[in-house]
Amino acid sequence: MKHRALLKLILCYLAAVITMFIMLNFFGARTLNRKMLAERVRMLTEEAGLIAEEYVTPYYRDAAKLSDMLTQLRSVDRFLGTRTWVVNTNGVVIVDAAMEARGMNVDNLDPTFLDRIVTDGYMTEVTFPGIMPREKLAVAQPIYNNYKLRGYVCIFIPMETVRQAGYEYLDIVNICYLVFFFLLLLIFIFLYFVTICPVRRMTKVTEEYARGHFGAPMKIRSQDEYRDLANAIQFMADEFQKLDEYQKKFVANISHDFRSPLTSIKGYAEAMADGTIPPEHQKKYLDIILFETERLTKLTSNLLTLSGLDSAGIPLDIASFDINGIIRRTALTFEGTCTKKRITLNLEFHGEELFVDADMGKIQQVLYNLIDNAIKFSNADSSIDIKTEERGSKVFVAVKDHGIGIPKDSISKIWERFYKTDLSRGKDKKGTGLGLSIARDIIQAHRENINVISTEGAGTEFMFTLSKTDF
């Protein structure tokens, strides 16, 4: 399913909006109404206490007339939008600012009214049929004179007034919510462009890479982790492109190097089978067939070696051994080849024995490849110098020929697989272009170095290091 991340982002946005709306208009509204009610009760209670002290108590002390108290209560009611009663201890209303309930006994209408309002301090949704049909909020404060309870001041205010104040505050909150709604929308749009869009662009380009279109540009302008990820994907694509090119080159080289000897073997074998080559000349062409077979065997062996190095990561069996002795043994395997080509191998060692810590079998393979390479590029009646030298904790091994050398523009390429420096030497068909690559991989697996110095027309010297055994 496409755009799943975008759908999740939209769902998160809607969940945030709906959750905030519910919290504000249900839980928030209830909390706000409770606070508004508590604030109104506090205000009216203070006002009732003030009325009891300032206006009603002087009446009981005979310091004020009833008409004066009534005038003052009416002024308070008009100012606060309330209705005030003065009720004696028997429950009789002695003063009503509206003049409707004067002389009325509250206990006859609601026998529990005074007890509840005095106990709780206030009552909500109070109604008195015929006098207060609409719900009121009522608070009461006691009236004392000479430390004796004389009655109560009761103040009533419509519940609509209390609720309306809560609604007004809630309207303000909802306006803020709408502003928050749009701000949150902008935030989610911003998140979409900085998170989803780069991912979608990278996904699209990655799909192009999967189809083999490695040239597709990865355009991520932000300087953040998405840019780092895009660069990593771009780097991976570049490496895949190099690998793809290498594989094509690898297959082409393999096909060429296999096809050439196979064609010779098949051609000469068919010629001998059908009598085109007479029996007296067959030995010459059998030698050619054997030569081509040896070349195929060497190529196959090198390919298997490379495959093992790539897949296994060149596992090493490190042991201490005499590098001078390994060089002598390896040089002996080339005695026949050197004799045919009249090449002399000069061995120059640092001491009779020189022990190193390395994988003996793989170092012997490195020596074989380097000596074989030196013989291949040496002229007849020349020499190859092989020597060891001890420098500190390292042992240096050098193989130097006096042959045709390596062109300057080819020095950096000789370690590439299947690369052959002398493209014109078609007669030397035994070369596979893999020997130096194998040698480099083995030496690097030992965490050592291998280098080359070459002068075209004068010869080439390969040098590598090994760790000396610390007895």
Protein backbone atom coordinates (compact mmCIF):
# COMPACT_ATOMS: atom_id res chain seq x y z
CA MET A 1 0.00 0.00 0.00
CA LYS A 2 1.46 3.32 -1.07
CA HIS A 3 1.63 6.48 1.04
CA ARG A 4 1.32 4.54 4.29
CA ALA A 5 3.55 7.02 6.12
CA LEU A 6 1.42 9.92 4.86
CA LEU A 7 -1.73 8.12 6.02
CA LYS A 8 -0.19 7.60 9.46
CA LEU A 9 0.72 11.27 9.63
CA ILE A 10 -2.85 12.28 8.75
CA LEU A 11 -4.27 9.86 11.34
CA CYS A 12 -1.91 11.27 13.97
CA TYR A 13 -3.05 14.78 13.09
CA LEU A 14 -6.75 13.86 13.31
CA ALA A 15 -6.18 11.97 16.56
CA ALA A 16 -4.43 15.01 18.07
CA VAL A 17 -7.17 17.39 16.92
CA ILE A 18 -10.07 15.19 18.11
CA THR A 19 -8.37 14.39 21.43
CA MET A 20 -7.71 18.07 22.10
CA PHE A 21 -11.29 18.97 21.18
CA ILE A 22 -12.72 16.35 23.56
CA MET A 23 -10.43 17.37 26.38
CA LEU A 24 -11.29 21.05 26.00
CA ASN A 25 -15.04 20.76 25.49
CA PHE A 26 -15.80 17.99 27.94
CA PHE A 27 -13.18 17.64 30.64
CA GLY A 28 -12.04 21.25 30.24
CA ALA A 29 -15.58 22.59 30.27
CA ARG A 30 -16.43 20.70 33.45
CA THR A 31 -13.31 21.90 35.17
CA LEU A 32 -13.98 25.45 34.03
CA ASN A 33 -17.60 25.35 35.25
CA ARG A 34 -16.49 24.05 38.64
CA LYS A 35 -13.93 26.82 38.95
CA MET A 36 -16.42 29.47 37.83
CA LEU A 37 -18.97 28.18 40.35
CA ALA A 38 -16.39 28.16 43.14
CA GLU A 39 -15.30 31.69 42.24
CA ARG A 40 -18.90 32.95 42.16
CA VAL A 41 -19.68 31.27 45.50
CA ARG A 42 -16.60 32.87 47.06
CA MET A 43 -17.56 36.31 45.75
CA LEU A 44 -21.19 36.07 46.87
CA THR A 45 -20.19 34.68 50.26
CA GLU A 46 -17.91 37.64 50.84
CA GLU A 47 -20.69 39.96 49.70
CA ALA A 48 -23.22 38.28 52.02
CA GLY A 49 -20.81 38.62 54.96
CA LEU A 50 -20.29 42.30 54.11
CA ILE A 51 -24.06 42.91 53.93
CA ALA A 52 -24.59 41.14 57.25
CA GLU A 53 -21.94 43.26 58.96
CA GLU A 54 -22.51 46.63 57.30
CA TYR A 55 -26.26 46.78 56.66
CA VAL A 56 -28.16 44.16 58.70
CA THR A 57 -26.34 44.17 62.04
CA PRO A 58 -26.93 47.95 62.56
CA TYR A 59 -30.67 47.22 62.14
CA TYR A 60 -30.59 44.73 64.99
CA ARG A 61 -28.69 47.28 67.11
CA ASP A 62 -31.43 49.80 66.37
CA ALA A 63 -28.84 51.92 64.60
CA ALA A 64 -30.65 51.76 61.23
CA LYS A 65 -34.20 51.52 59.98
CA LEU A 66 -35.63 48.69 57.98
CA SER A 67 -36.29 51.03 55.05
CA ASP A 68 -32.63 52.08 55.04
CA MET A 69 -31.51 48.44 54.95
CA LEU A 70 -33.98 47.70 52.16
CA THR A 71 -32.70 50.63 50.07
CA GLN A 72 -29.11 49.47 50.46
CA LEU A 73 -29.95 45.86 49.55
CA ARG A 74 -31.77 46.99 46.40
CA SER A 75 -28.67 48.96 45.36
CA VAL A 76 -26.51 45.89 45.86
CA ASP A 77 -28.91 43.69 43.90
CA ARG A 78 -29.03 46.09 40.97
CA PHE A 79 -25.24 46.33 40.91
CA LEU A 80 -24.56 42.60 41.20
CA GLY A 81 -27.63 41.26 39.41
CA THR A 82 -28.61 39.31 42.52
CA ARG A 83 -31.58 38.94 44.87
CA THR A 84 -31.03 39.28 48.61
CA TRP A 85 -33.10 38.02 51.53
CA VAL A 86 -32.72 38.53 55.23
CA VAL A 87 -34.19 35.51 57.03
CA ASN A 88 -34.61 35.25 60.82
CA THR A 89 -33.87 32.13 62.81
CA ASN A 90 -37.48 30.96 62.42
CA GLY A 91 -37.13 30.91 58.65
CA VAL A 92 -39.25 33.99 58.04
CA VAL A 93 -38.10 36.41 55.33
CA ILE A 94 -38.03 39.81 57.00
CA VAL A 95 -36.43 41.64 54.06
CA ASP A 96 -36.70 40.90 50.33
CA ALA A 97 -35.22 43.45 47.96
CA ALA A 98 -37.85 42.45 45.39
CA MET A 99 -40.64 42.71 47.98
CA GLU A 100 -42.14 39.38 46.84
CA ALA A 101 -41.12 37.07 49.65
CA ARG A 102 -41.36 39.34 52.67
CA GLY A 103 -43.15 37.62 55.51
CA MET A 104 -42.82 34.25 53.79
CA ASN A 105 -41.64 31.30 55.84
CA VAL A 106 -38.89 29.53 53.96
CA ASP A 107 -39.41 26.35 55.95
CA ASN A 108 -42.92 26.06 54.55
CA LEU A 109 -41.50 26.01 51.01
CA ASP A 110 -38.38 23.91 51.68
CA PRO A 111 -37.92 22.76 55.29
CA THR A 112 -34.29 21.70 54.64
CA PHE A 113 -33.19 24.86 52.82
CA LEU A 114 -31.63 26.75 55.71
CA ASP A 115 -29.97 23.67 57.22
CA ARG A 116 -28.37 22.67 53.92
CA ILE A 117 -27.24 26.11 52.86
CA VAL A 118 -25.76 26.87 56.28
CA THR A 119 -24.00 23.50 56.38
CA ASP A 120 -22.62 23.52 52.82
CA GLY A 121 -22.25 27.28 52.44
CA TYR A 122 -24.12 27.30 49.13
CA MET A 123 -26.77 25.51 47.07
CA THR A 124 -27.26 25.18 43.32
CA GLU A 125 -30.42 24.89 41.29
CA VAL A 126 -32.57 26.41 44.07
CA THR A 127 -36.21 27.09 43.17
CA PHE A 128 -39.23 28.35 45.13
CA PRO A 129 -42.55 27.85 43.26
CA GLY A 130 -44.37 31.10 42.63
CA ILE A 131 -41.44 33.22 43.80
CA MET A 132 -38.29 31.85 42.14
CA PRO A 133 -39.37 29.51 39.37
CA ARG A 134 -35.95 29.62 37.66
CA GLU A 135 -32.92 27.86 39.10
CA LYS A 136 -30.71 29.96 41.31
CA LEU A 137 -27.36 29.71 43.02
CA ALA A 138 -27.82 30.55 46.72
CA VAL A 139 -25.26 31.41 49.41
CA ALA A 140 -25.87 32.36 53.04
CA GLN A 141 -23.97 34.03 55.86
CA PRO A 142 -25.12 34.16 59.53
CA ILE A 143 -26.08 37.43 61.28
CA TYR A 144 -24.80 37.88 64.85
CA ASN A 145 -25.65 40.60 67.36
CA ASN A 146 -24.21 40.54 70.88
CA TYR A 147 -22.82 37.07 70.13
CA LYS A 148 -26.30 35.82 69.41
CA LEU A 149 -27.51 34.41 66.08
CA ARG A 150 -30.23 36.67 64.69
CA GLY A 151 -30.71 35.20 61.23
CA TYR A 152 -29.10 34.81 57.80
CA VAL A 153 -28.32 36.88 54.73
CA CYS A 154 -29.19 34.82 51.64
CA ILE A 155 -28.08 35.94 48.19
CA PHE A 156 -29.48 34.39 45.03
CA ILE A 157 -28.11 34.66 41.50
CA PRO A 158 -29.52 32.97 38.37
CA MET A 159 -27.70 29.78 37.36
CA GLU A 160 -27.80 31.06 33.76
CA THR A 161 -25.46 33.86 34.82
CA VAL A 162 -22.96 31.37 36.26
CA ARG A 163 -23.19 29.08 33.24
CA GLN A 164 -22.97 31.99 30.80
CA ALA A 165 -19.70 33.11 32.34
CA GLY A 166 -18.34 29.58 31.83
CA TYR A 167 -19.55 29.54 28.23
CA GLU A 168 -17.83 32.85 27.54
CA TYR A 169 -14.53 31.53 28.82
CA LEU A 170 -15.06 28.30 26.87
CA ASP A 171 -15.64 30.33 23.70
CA ILE A 172 -12.30 32.00 24.25
CA VAL A 173 -10.70 28.59 24.75
CA ASN A 174 -12.29 27.29 21.54
CA ILE A 175 -11.02 30.28 19.60
CA CYS A 176 -7.54 29.46 20.90
CA TYR A 177 -8.20 25.85 19.89
CA LEU A 178 -8.99 26.91 16.33
CA VAL A 179 -5.74 28.85 16.21
CA PHE A 180 -3.97 25.79 17.58
CA PHE A 181 -5.78 23.67 14.98
CA PHE A 182 -4.31 25.67 12.10
CA LEU A 183 -0.89 25.91 13.72
CA LEU A 184 -0.88 22.15 14.21
CA LEU A 185 -1.91 21.75 10.57
CA LEU A 186 1.04 23.88 9.50
CA ILE A 187 3.33 21.81 11.72
CA PHE A 188 2.11 18.56 10.17
CA ILE A 189 2.49 19.99 6.66
CA PHE A 190 6.04 20.98 7.57
CA LEU A 191 6.67 17.48 8.94
CA TYR A 192 5.33 16.02 5.71
CA PHE A 193 7.74 18.01 3.58
CA VAL A 194 10.76 17.37 5.80
CA THR A 195 10.10 13.65 6.43
CA ILE A 196 7.75 12.01 3.94
CA CYS A 197 8.83 13.89 0.81
CA PRO A 198 12.56 13.06 1.14
CA VAL A 199 11.71 9.42 1.82
CA ARG A 200 9.45 9.27 -1.24
CA ARG A 201 12.15 10.88 -3.40
CA MET A 202 14.76 8.45 -2.10
CA THR A 203 12.40 5.51 -2.66
CA LYS A 204 11.76 6.60 -6.24
CA VAL A 205 15.45 7.01 -7.00
CA THR A 206 16.27 3.70 -5.26
CA GLU A 207 13.74 1.97 -7.51
CA GLU A 208 15.59 3.46 -10.49
CA TYR A 209 18.83 2.08 -9.09
CA ALA A 210 17.17 -1.33 -8.74
CA ARG A 211 16.33 -1.20 -12.46
CA GLY A 212 19.97 -0.50 -13.25
CA HIS A 213 19.61 3.24 -13.89
CA PHE A 214 22.48 4.28 -11.63
CA GLY A 215 22.67 7.75 -13.12
CA ALA A 216 19.40 8.89 -11.49
CA PRO A 217 20.23 11.92 -9.27
CA MET A 218 19.49 11.82 -5.54
CA LYS A 219 18.34 15.41 -4.89
CA ILE A 220 17.99 16.03 -1.14
CA ARG A 221 18.58 19.68 -0.25
CA SER A 222 18.21 19.49 3.53
CA GLN A 223 21.34 19.34 5.67
CA ASP A 224 20.23 16.62 8.08
CA GLU A 225 20.13 12.85 8.56
CA TYR A 226 18.05 12.48 5.38
CA ARG A 227 20.90 14.06 3.42
CA ASP A 228 23.32 11.63 5.05
CA LEU A 229 21.05 8.72 4.15
CA ALA A 230 20.73 9.99 0.58
CA ASN A 231 24.50 10.30 0.30
CA ALA A 232 24.88 6.76 1.64
CA ILE A 233 22.38 5.45 -0.92
CA GLN A 234 24.14 7.41 -3.67
CA PHE A 235 27.49 5.98 -2.58
CA MET A 236 25.98 2.49 -2.55
CA ALA A 237 24.59 3.04 -6.05
CA ASP A 238 27.99 4.20 -7.28
CA GLU A 239 29.57 1.10 -5.80
CA PHE A 240 26.91 -1.08 -7.41
CA GLN A 241 27.57 0.64 -10.72
CA LYS A 242 31.28 -0.07 -10.37
CA LEU A 243 30.47 -3.64 -9.41
CA ASP A 244 28.14 -3.95 -12.39
CA GLU A 245 30.82 -2.64 -14.72
CA TYR A 246 33.37 -4.91 -13.07
CA GLN A 247 31.10 -7.93 -13.51
CA LYS A 248 30.60 -7.14 -17.18
CA LYS A 249 34.34 -6.72 -17.61
CA PHE A 250 34.95 -9.86 -15.57
CA VAL A 251 32.61 -11.94 -17.72
CA ALA A 252 34.09 -10.48 -20.91
CA ASN A 253 37.64 -11.24 -19.77
CA ILE A 254 36.75 -14.72 -18.59
CA SER A 255 34.97 -15.43 -21.87
CA HIS A 256 37.95 -14.20 -23.87
CA ASP A 257 40.56 -16.03 -21.78
CA PHE A 258 38.61 -19.28 -21.92
CA ARG A 259 37.53 -19.03 -25.54
CA SER A 260 41.01 -18.48 -26.94
CA PRO A 261 42.68 -21.67 -25.59
CA LEU A 262 39.51 -23.72 -26.08
CA THR A 263 39.39 -22.65 -29.72
CA SER A 264 43.03 -23.72 -30.19
CA ILE A 265 42.50 -27.04 -28.42
CA LYS A 266 39.36 -27.80 -30.43
CA GLY A 267 40.89 -26.73 -33.73
CA TYR A 268 44.08 -28.78 -33.37
CA ALA A 269 42.24 -31.81 -31.95
CA GLU A 270 39.77 -31.80 -34.89
CA ALA A 271 42.65 -31.37 -37.35
CA MET A 272 44.44 -34.41 -35.90
CA ALA A 273 41.20 -36.41 -35.77
CA ASP A 274 40.29 -35.84 -39.43
CA GLY A 275 43.86 -36.31 -40.65
CA THR A 276 44.51 -32.70 -41.64
CA ILE A 277 47.61 -32.81 -39.44
CA PRO A 278 49.71 -35.88 -40.37
CA PRO A 279 50.95 -38.17 -37.55
CA GLU A 280 54.54 -37.07 -37.92
CA HIS A 281 53.55 -33.44 -37.07
CA GLN A 282 51.10 -34.21 -34.29
CA LYS A 283 53.63 -33.96 -31.43
CA LYS A 284 54.09 -30.26 -32.15
CA TYR A 285 50.39 -29.56 -31.94
CA LEU A 286 49.93 -31.85 -28.93
CA ASP A 287 52.47 -29.67 -27.15
CA ILE A 288 50.34 -26.63 -28.07
CA ILE A 289 47.24 -28.38 -26.73
CA LEU A 290 49.09 -29.19 -23.48
CA PHE A 291 50.26 -25.58 -23.27
CA GLU A 292 46.70 -24.27 -23.66
CA THR A 293 45.43 -26.84 -21.15
CA GLU A 294 48.02 -25.65 -18.65
CA ARG A 295 46.83 -22.09 -19.23
CA LEU A 296 43.20 -23.08 -18.61
CA THR A 297 44.23 -24.95 -15.46
CA LYS A 298 46.09 -21.92 -14.15
CA LEU A 299 43.20 -19.59 -14.97
CA THR A 300 40.71 -21.89 -13.24
CA SER A 301 42.98 -22.21 -10.20
CA ASN A 302 43.32 -18.43 -9.93
CA LEU A 303 39.57 -17.93 -10.26
CA LEU A 304 38.95 -20.45 -7.47
CA THR A 305 41.54 -18.68 -5.33
CA LEU A 306 39.87 -15.30 -5.90
CA SER A 307 36.46 -16.77 -5.15
CA GLY A 308 37.78 -18.16 -1.88
CA LEU A 309 39.38 -14.85 -0.95
CA ASP A 310 36.17 -12.91 -1.65
CA SER A 311 33.75 -15.25 0.09
CA ALA A 312 35.82 -16.27 3.12
CA GLY A 313 37.51 -12.92 3.68
CA ILE A 314 40.96 -14.54 3.36
CA PRO A 315 41.18 -16.63 6.53
CA LEU A 316 44.80 -16.82 7.68
CA ASP A 317 46.68 -19.59 9.49
CA ILE A 318 49.42 -17.53 11.13
CA ALA A 319 52.56 -19.40 12.10
CA SER A 320 56.30 -18.76 12.40
CA PHE A 321 58.41 -20.04 9.48
CA ASP A 322 61.67 -19.37 7.68
CA ILE A 323 60.92 -17.03 4.76
CA ASN A 324 64.34 -17.76 3.20
CA GLY A 325 63.55 -21.45 3.04
CA ILE A 326 60.14 -20.80 1.42
CA ILE A 327 61.78 -18.57 -1.22
CA ARG A 328 64.33 -21.35 -2.04
CA ARG A 329 61.57 -23.94 -2.43
CA THR A 330 59.41 -21.64 -4.56
CA ALA A 331 62.36 -20.70 -6.78
CA LEU A 332 63.08 -24.40 -7.44
CA THR A 333 59.64 -24.82 -9.05
CA PHE A 334 60.70 -22.38 -11.79
CA GLU A 335 64.00 -24.12 -12.58
CA GLY A 336 62.72 -25.69 -15.79
CA THR A 337 61.09 -22.48 -17.04
CA CYS A 338 64.19 -20.41 -16.26
CA THR A 339 66.43 -22.94 -18.00
CA LYS A 340 64.33 -22.77 -21.18
CA LYS A 341 64.37 -18.98 -21.16
CA ARG A 342 68.02 -18.77 -19.93
CA ILE A 343 67.05 -16.69 -16.90
CA THR A 344 69.11 -16.72 -13.70
CA LEU A 345 67.49 -16.44 -10.28
CA ASN A 346 69.78 -14.62 -7.83
CA LEU A 347 68.86 -15.23 -4.17
CA GLU A 348 70.22 -12.78 -1.62
CA PHE A 349 69.14 -13.39 1.96
CA HIS A 350 69.56 -11.60 5.27
CA GLY A 351 71.23 -14.40 7.19
CA GLU A 352 70.85 -18.12 6.69
CA GLU A 353 67.41 -18.17 8.33
CA LEU A 354 64.87 -15.37 8.78
CA PHE A 355 61.63 -16.19 10.59
CA VAL A 356 58.38 -14.34 10.05
CA ASP A 357 54.81 -14.63 11.40
CA ALA A 358 52.40 -15.21 8.50
CA ASP A 359 50.32 -17.77 6.62
CA MET A 360 53.04 -19.86 4.97
CA GLY A 361 50.87 -21.29 2.20
CA LYS A 362 49.49 -17.93 1.13
CA ILE A 363 52.89 -16.18 1.28
CA GLN A 364 54.26 -18.97 -0.92
CA GLN A 365 51.48 -18.21 -3.38
CA VAL A 366 52.43 -14.51 -3.34
CA LEU A 367 56.08 -15.44 -4.07
CA TYR A 368 54.99 -17.80 -6.85
CA ASN A 369 52.86 -15.11 -8.51
CA LEU A 370 55.58 -12.44 -8.28
CA ILE A 371 58.35 -14.72 -9.60
CA ASP A 372 56.08 -16.03 -12.37
CA ASN A 373 55.25 -12.44 -13.30
CA ALA A 374 58.95 -11.48 -13.31
CA ILE A 375 59.88 -14.41 -15.56
CA LYS A 376 57.03 -13.60 -17.92
CA PHE A 377 58.25 -10.04 -18.49
CA SER A 378 61.99 -10.77 -18.50
CA ASN A 379 64.02 -11.07 -21.63
CA ALA A 380 66.09 -14.15 -22.43
CA ASP A 381 69.59 -14.25 -20.94
CA SER A 382 68.61 -11.96 -18.08
CA SER A 383 68.41 -12.32 -14.30
CA ILE A 384 65.86 -11.95 -11.51
CA ASP A 385 66.95 -10.82 -8.06
CA ILE A 386 65.09 -12.11 -5.00
CA LYS A 387 66.26 -10.85 -1.63
CA THR A 388 65.16 -10.42 1.98
CA GLU A 389 66.13 -7.65 4.39
CA GLU A 390 65.42 -7.11 8.07
CA ARG A 391 64.42 -3.60 9.22
CA GLY A 392 63.34 -3.28 12.83
CA SER A 393 60.29 -5.49 13.41
CA LYS A 394 59.67 -5.95 9.69
CA VAL A 395 61.09 -8.19 7.01
CA PHE A 396 61.21 -6.82 3.46
CA VAL A 397 60.97 -9.24 0.52
CA ALA A 398 61.81 -7.97 -2.98
CA VAL A 399 61.48 -9.57 -6.42
CA LYS A 400 63.25 -7.59 -9.13
CA ASP A 401 63.46 -8.33 -12.85
CA HIS A 402 65.36 -6.56 -15.62
CA GLY A 403 62.69 -6.88 -18.25
CA ILE A 404 60.41 -4.58 -20.21
CA GLY A 405 59.05 -2.63 -17.23
CA ILE A 406 55.60 -1.14 -16.72
CA PRO A 407 54.36 2.06 -18.44
CA LYS A 408 53.73 4.95 -16.05
CA ASP A 409 50.03 5.14 -16.93
CA SER A 410 49.63 1.47 -16.02
CA ILE A 411 51.33 1.47 -12.58
CA SER A 412 48.10 2.25 -10.72
CA LYS A 413 46.09 -0.34 -12.68
CA ILE A 414 48.27 -3.43 -12.35
CA TRP A 415 46.45 -4.51 -9.17
CA GLU A 416 43.10 -4.67 -10.98
CA ARG A 417 41.81 -8.09 -11.84
CA PHE A 418 42.37 -9.16 -15.46
CA TYR A 419 44.45 -6.07 -16.19
CA LYS A 420 47.39 -6.79 -18.47
CA THR A 421 49.94 -4.07 -19.01
CA ASP A 422 51.32 -5.20 -22.34
CA LEU A 423 48.23 -5.55 -24.51
CA SER A 424 50.34 -6.34 -27.56
CA ARG A 425 51.97 -9.46 -26.13
CA GLY A 426 49.40 -11.79 -27.55
CA LYS A 427 51.89 -14.62 -27.85
CA ASP A 428 52.28 -14.91 -24.07
CA LYS A 429 48.93 -16.57 -23.58
CA LYS A 430 49.59 -17.95 -20.11
CA GLY A 431 48.94 -14.60 -18.43
CA THR A 432 45.55 -14.27 -16.70
CA GLY A 433 45.82 -10.81 -15.17
CA LEU A 434 44.91 -12.23 -11.74
CA GLY A 435 48.27 -12.96 -10.11
CA LEU A 436 49.05 -9.47 -8.83
CA SER A 437 45.50 -8.97 -7.60
CA ILE A 438 45.72 -12.19 -5.57
CA ALA A 439 49.13 -11.20 -4.20
CA ARG A 440 47.87 -7.78 -3.09
CA ASP A 441 44.76 -9.23 -1.39
CA ILE A 442 46.85 -11.75 0.56
CA ILE A 443 49.41 -9.19 1.74
CA GLN A 444 46.68 -6.72 2.75
CA ALA A 445 44.93 -9.51 4.68
CA HIS A 446 48.16 -9.78 6.72
CA ARG A 447 47.86 -6.00 7.37
CA GLU A 448 51.13 -5.52 5.51
CA ASN A 449 52.14 -3.46 2.46
CA ILE A 450 53.08 -4.34 -1.10
CA ASN A 451 54.55 -1.80 -3.54
CA VAL A 452 56.06 -1.64 -6.99
CA ILE A 453 58.84 0.40 -8.61
CA SER A 454 59.21 0.16 -12.35
CA THR A 455 61.08 1.86 -15.17
CA GLU A 456 59.89 1.13 -18.68
CA GLY A 457 62.60 -0.73 -20.57
CA ALA A 458 64.72 -1.29 -17.43
CA GLY A 459 62.70 -3.62 -15.23
CA THR A 460 60.31 -3.85 -12.28
CA GLU A 461 60.73 -4.49 -8.56
CA PHE A 462 57.94 -5.70 -6.27
CA MET A 463 58.41 -5.37 -2.50
CA PHE A 464 56.24 -6.51 0.39
CA THR A 465 56.60 -6.58 4.17
CA LEU A 466 56.02 -9.26 6.81
CA SER A 467 56.19 -9.21 10.60
CA LYS A 468 59.42 -10.64 11.99
CA THR A 469 59.07 -13.37 14.60
CA ASP A 470 59.82 -12.03 18.06
CA PHE A 471 61.58 -14.85 19.90
